[in-house]
N, C-alpha and C. Protein backbone atom coordinates (compact mmCIF):
# COMPACT_ATOMS: atom_id res chain seq x y z
N MET A 1 -5.84 -10.42 12.62
CA MET A 1 -6.16 -9.56 11.50
C MET A 1 -6.96 -10.37 10.49
N GLU A 2 -7.98 -9.78 9.99
CA GLU A 2 -8.85 -10.45 9.02
C GLU A 2 -8.44 -10.06 7.60
N PHE A 3 -8.41 -11.03 6.71
CA PHE A 3 -8.07 -10.77 5.31
C PHE A 3 -9.36 -10.62 4.50
N HIS A 4 -9.41 -9.59 3.69
CA HIS A 4 -10.58 -9.35 2.85
C HIS A 4 -10.27 -9.74 1.41
N ASP A 5 -11.14 -10.55 0.82
CA ASP A 5 -10.93 -11.02 -0.55
C ASP A 5 -10.84 -9.89 -1.56
N GLU A 6 -11.48 -8.76 -1.27
CA GLU A 6 -11.43 -7.65 -2.23
C GLU A 6 -10.03 -7.04 -2.35
N LEU A 7 -9.09 -7.45 -1.50
CA LEU A 7 -7.70 -6.99 -1.61
C LEU A 7 -6.95 -7.71 -2.73
N LEU A 8 -7.37 -8.92 -3.09
CA LEU A 8 -6.62 -9.73 -4.06
C LEU A 8 -6.38 -9.06 -5.40
N PRO A 9 -7.39 -8.49 -6.05
CA PRO A 9 -7.10 -7.83 -7.34
C PRO A 9 -6.10 -6.68 -7.19
N GLY A 10 -6.20 -5.95 -6.09
CA GLY A 10 -5.27 -4.85 -5.86
C GLY A 10 -3.85 -5.33 -5.65
N ILE A 11 -3.71 -6.43 -4.92
CA ILE A 11 -2.38 -7.01 -4.69
C ILE A 11 -1.75 -7.44 -6.00
N GLU A 12 -2.52 -8.14 -6.81
CA GLU A 12 -2.01 -8.61 -8.11
C GLU A 12 -1.60 -7.44 -8.99
N LEU A 13 -2.40 -6.40 -9.03
CA LEU A 13 -2.09 -5.21 -9.83
C LEU A 13 -0.81 -4.55 -9.34
N LEU A 14 -0.68 -4.39 -8.04
CA LEU A 14 0.51 -3.74 -7.49
C LEU A 14 1.78 -4.54 -7.75
N ILE A 15 1.69 -5.86 -7.67
CA ILE A 15 2.87 -6.70 -7.94
C ILE A 15 3.30 -6.57 -9.41
N ARG A 16 2.32 -6.44 -10.31
CA ARG A 16 2.66 -6.25 -11.74
C ARG A 16 3.20 -4.85 -12.01
N LYS A 17 2.72 -3.89 -11.26
CA LYS A 17 3.04 -2.48 -11.51
C LYS A 17 4.37 -2.04 -10.88
N TYR A 18 4.71 -2.62 -9.72
CA TYR A 18 5.89 -2.20 -8.96
C TYR A 18 6.72 -3.42 -8.55
N PRO A 19 8.01 -3.22 -8.29
CA PRO A 19 8.86 -4.34 -7.84
C PRO A 19 8.68 -4.59 -6.34
N LEU A 20 7.52 -5.11 -5.95
CA LEU A 20 7.20 -5.32 -4.55
C LEU A 20 7.20 -6.80 -4.18
N LYS A 21 7.55 -7.07 -2.93
CA LYS A 21 7.41 -8.41 -2.38
C LYS A 21 5.94 -8.60 -2.03
N GLY A 22 5.54 -9.85 -1.85
CA GLY A 22 4.14 -10.15 -1.56
C GLY A 22 3.59 -9.42 -0.35
N ALA A 23 4.33 -9.44 0.76
CA ALA A 23 3.87 -8.78 1.98
C ALA A 23 3.79 -7.27 1.79
N ASP A 24 4.72 -6.71 1.02
CA ASP A 24 4.69 -5.27 0.75
C ASP A 24 3.48 -4.89 -0.10
N ALA A 25 3.16 -5.72 -1.06
CA ALA A 25 1.97 -5.48 -1.89
C ALA A 25 0.70 -5.57 -1.05
N LEU A 26 0.68 -6.49 -0.10
CA LEU A 26 -0.46 -6.61 0.81
C LEU A 26 -0.59 -5.36 1.67
N HIS A 27 0.52 -4.88 2.21
CA HIS A 27 0.57 -3.67 3.03
C HIS A 27 0.01 -2.47 2.24
N LEU A 28 0.51 -2.28 1.03
CA LEU A 28 0.09 -1.15 0.20
C LEU A 28 -1.36 -1.31 -0.24
N SER A 29 -1.74 -2.48 -0.65
CA SER A 29 -3.11 -2.72 -1.07
C SER A 29 -4.09 -2.46 0.07
N SER A 30 -3.71 -2.84 1.28
CA SER A 30 -4.56 -2.60 2.45
C SER A 30 -4.75 -1.11 2.71
N ALA A 31 -3.68 -0.36 2.57
CA ALA A 31 -3.77 1.10 2.77
C ALA A 31 -4.66 1.74 1.70
N LEU A 32 -4.51 1.32 0.47
CA LEU A 32 -5.34 1.86 -0.62
C LEU A 32 -6.81 1.48 -0.41
N TRP A 33 -7.05 0.25 0.03
CA TRP A 33 -8.41 -0.20 0.31
C TRP A 33 -9.01 0.63 1.45
N LEU A 34 -8.23 0.85 2.50
CA LEU A 34 -8.71 1.61 3.65
C LEU A 34 -9.05 3.05 3.24
N GLU A 35 -8.17 3.66 2.47
CA GLU A 35 -8.42 5.03 2.02
C GLU A 35 -9.70 5.12 1.20
N LYS A 36 -9.90 4.15 0.34
CA LYS A 36 -11.12 4.12 -0.48
C LYS A 36 -12.36 3.87 0.39
N THR A 37 -12.22 3.00 1.38
CA THR A 37 -13.34 2.64 2.24
C THR A 37 -13.78 3.78 3.15
N VAL A 38 -12.82 4.45 3.78
CA VAL A 38 -13.16 5.53 4.70
C VAL A 38 -13.33 6.87 3.99
N GLN A 39 -12.91 6.91 2.73
CA GLN A 39 -13.00 8.11 1.89
C GLN A 39 -12.31 9.31 2.55
N GLU A 40 -11.17 9.03 3.14
CA GLU A 40 -10.31 10.04 3.74
C GLU A 40 -8.86 9.67 3.43
N LYS A 41 -7.98 10.67 3.47
CA LYS A 41 -6.57 10.40 3.29
C LYS A 41 -6.05 9.61 4.48
N VAL A 42 -5.28 8.58 4.22
CA VAL A 42 -4.62 7.84 5.29
C VAL A 42 -3.11 8.05 5.14
N THR A 43 -2.40 7.87 6.23
CA THR A 43 -0.95 8.01 6.20
C THR A 43 -0.34 6.62 6.14
N PHE A 44 0.51 6.41 5.14
CA PHE A 44 1.17 5.13 4.91
C PHE A 44 2.56 5.19 5.55
N VAL A 45 2.84 4.27 6.46
CA VAL A 45 4.11 4.26 7.18
C VAL A 45 4.91 3.02 6.78
N ALA A 46 6.14 3.26 6.34
CA ALA A 46 7.05 2.17 5.95
C ALA A 46 8.47 2.72 5.93
N SER A 47 9.44 1.83 5.96
CA SER A 47 10.83 2.27 5.86
C SER A 47 11.51 1.74 4.60
N ASP A 48 10.86 0.85 3.88
CA ASP A 48 11.41 0.30 2.64
C ASP A 48 11.23 1.31 1.50
N GLU A 49 12.33 1.71 0.89
CA GLU A 49 12.27 2.76 -0.13
C GLU A 49 11.44 2.39 -1.36
N SER A 50 11.52 1.15 -1.82
CA SER A 50 10.74 0.78 -3.00
C SER A 50 9.24 0.76 -2.67
N LEU A 51 8.91 0.37 -1.45
CA LEU A 51 7.51 0.38 -1.02
C LEU A 51 7.02 1.82 -0.89
N LEU A 52 7.83 2.69 -0.31
CA LEU A 52 7.44 4.11 -0.19
C LEU A 52 7.29 4.76 -1.56
N LYS A 53 8.16 4.40 -2.48
CA LYS A 53 8.07 4.95 -3.84
C LYS A 53 6.76 4.52 -4.50
N ALA A 54 6.39 3.27 -4.32
CA ALA A 54 5.12 2.78 -4.88
C ALA A 54 3.94 3.49 -4.21
N ALA A 55 3.99 3.66 -2.90
CA ALA A 55 2.92 4.34 -2.18
C ALA A 55 2.80 5.79 -2.64
N ARG A 56 3.92 6.43 -2.84
CA ARG A 56 3.93 7.81 -3.34
C ARG A 56 3.31 7.86 -4.74
N SER A 57 3.64 6.90 -5.57
CA SER A 57 3.07 6.84 -6.92
C SER A 57 1.57 6.63 -6.89
N GLU A 58 1.08 5.96 -5.85
CA GLU A 58 -0.35 5.73 -5.68
C GLU A 58 -1.03 6.90 -4.96
N ARG A 59 -0.26 7.96 -4.74
CA ARG A 59 -0.75 9.22 -4.15
C ARG A 59 -1.17 9.11 -2.69
N LEU A 60 -0.50 8.23 -1.98
CA LEU A 60 -0.73 8.15 -0.54
C LEU A 60 0.20 9.13 0.17
N LYS A 61 -0.25 9.64 1.29
CA LYS A 61 0.61 10.42 2.16
C LYS A 61 1.54 9.42 2.85
N ILE A 62 2.84 9.66 2.82
CA ILE A 62 3.78 8.68 3.36
C ILE A 62 4.62 9.25 4.51
N VAL A 63 5.04 8.35 5.38
CA VAL A 63 5.95 8.66 6.48
C VAL A 63 6.98 7.54 6.57
N ASN A 64 8.25 7.93 6.61
CA ASN A 64 9.33 6.98 6.83
C ASN A 64 9.83 7.19 8.24
N PRO A 65 9.60 6.24 9.16
CA PRO A 65 10.02 6.44 10.55
C PRO A 65 11.54 6.48 10.73
N GLN A 66 12.27 6.07 9.72
CA GLN A 66 13.74 6.09 9.81
C GLN A 66 14.32 7.37 9.23
N GLY A 67 13.49 8.30 8.87
CA GLY A 67 14.02 9.58 8.41
C GLY A 67 13.46 9.96 7.14
């Protein structure tokens, strides 16, 4: 997997805005970047409730595979 430098500002903002771990902020930032890049809604998949709450706040479509 390739890391894009343009994710860094988004990661920093998400960590300040939500109680996320570093990897979770990277996951969410990547989804937001992808949605912006493809200019289509993407589905964010996670099972961590705080991560899903942050994704919901960022207006992503979410799916929790655990229910």
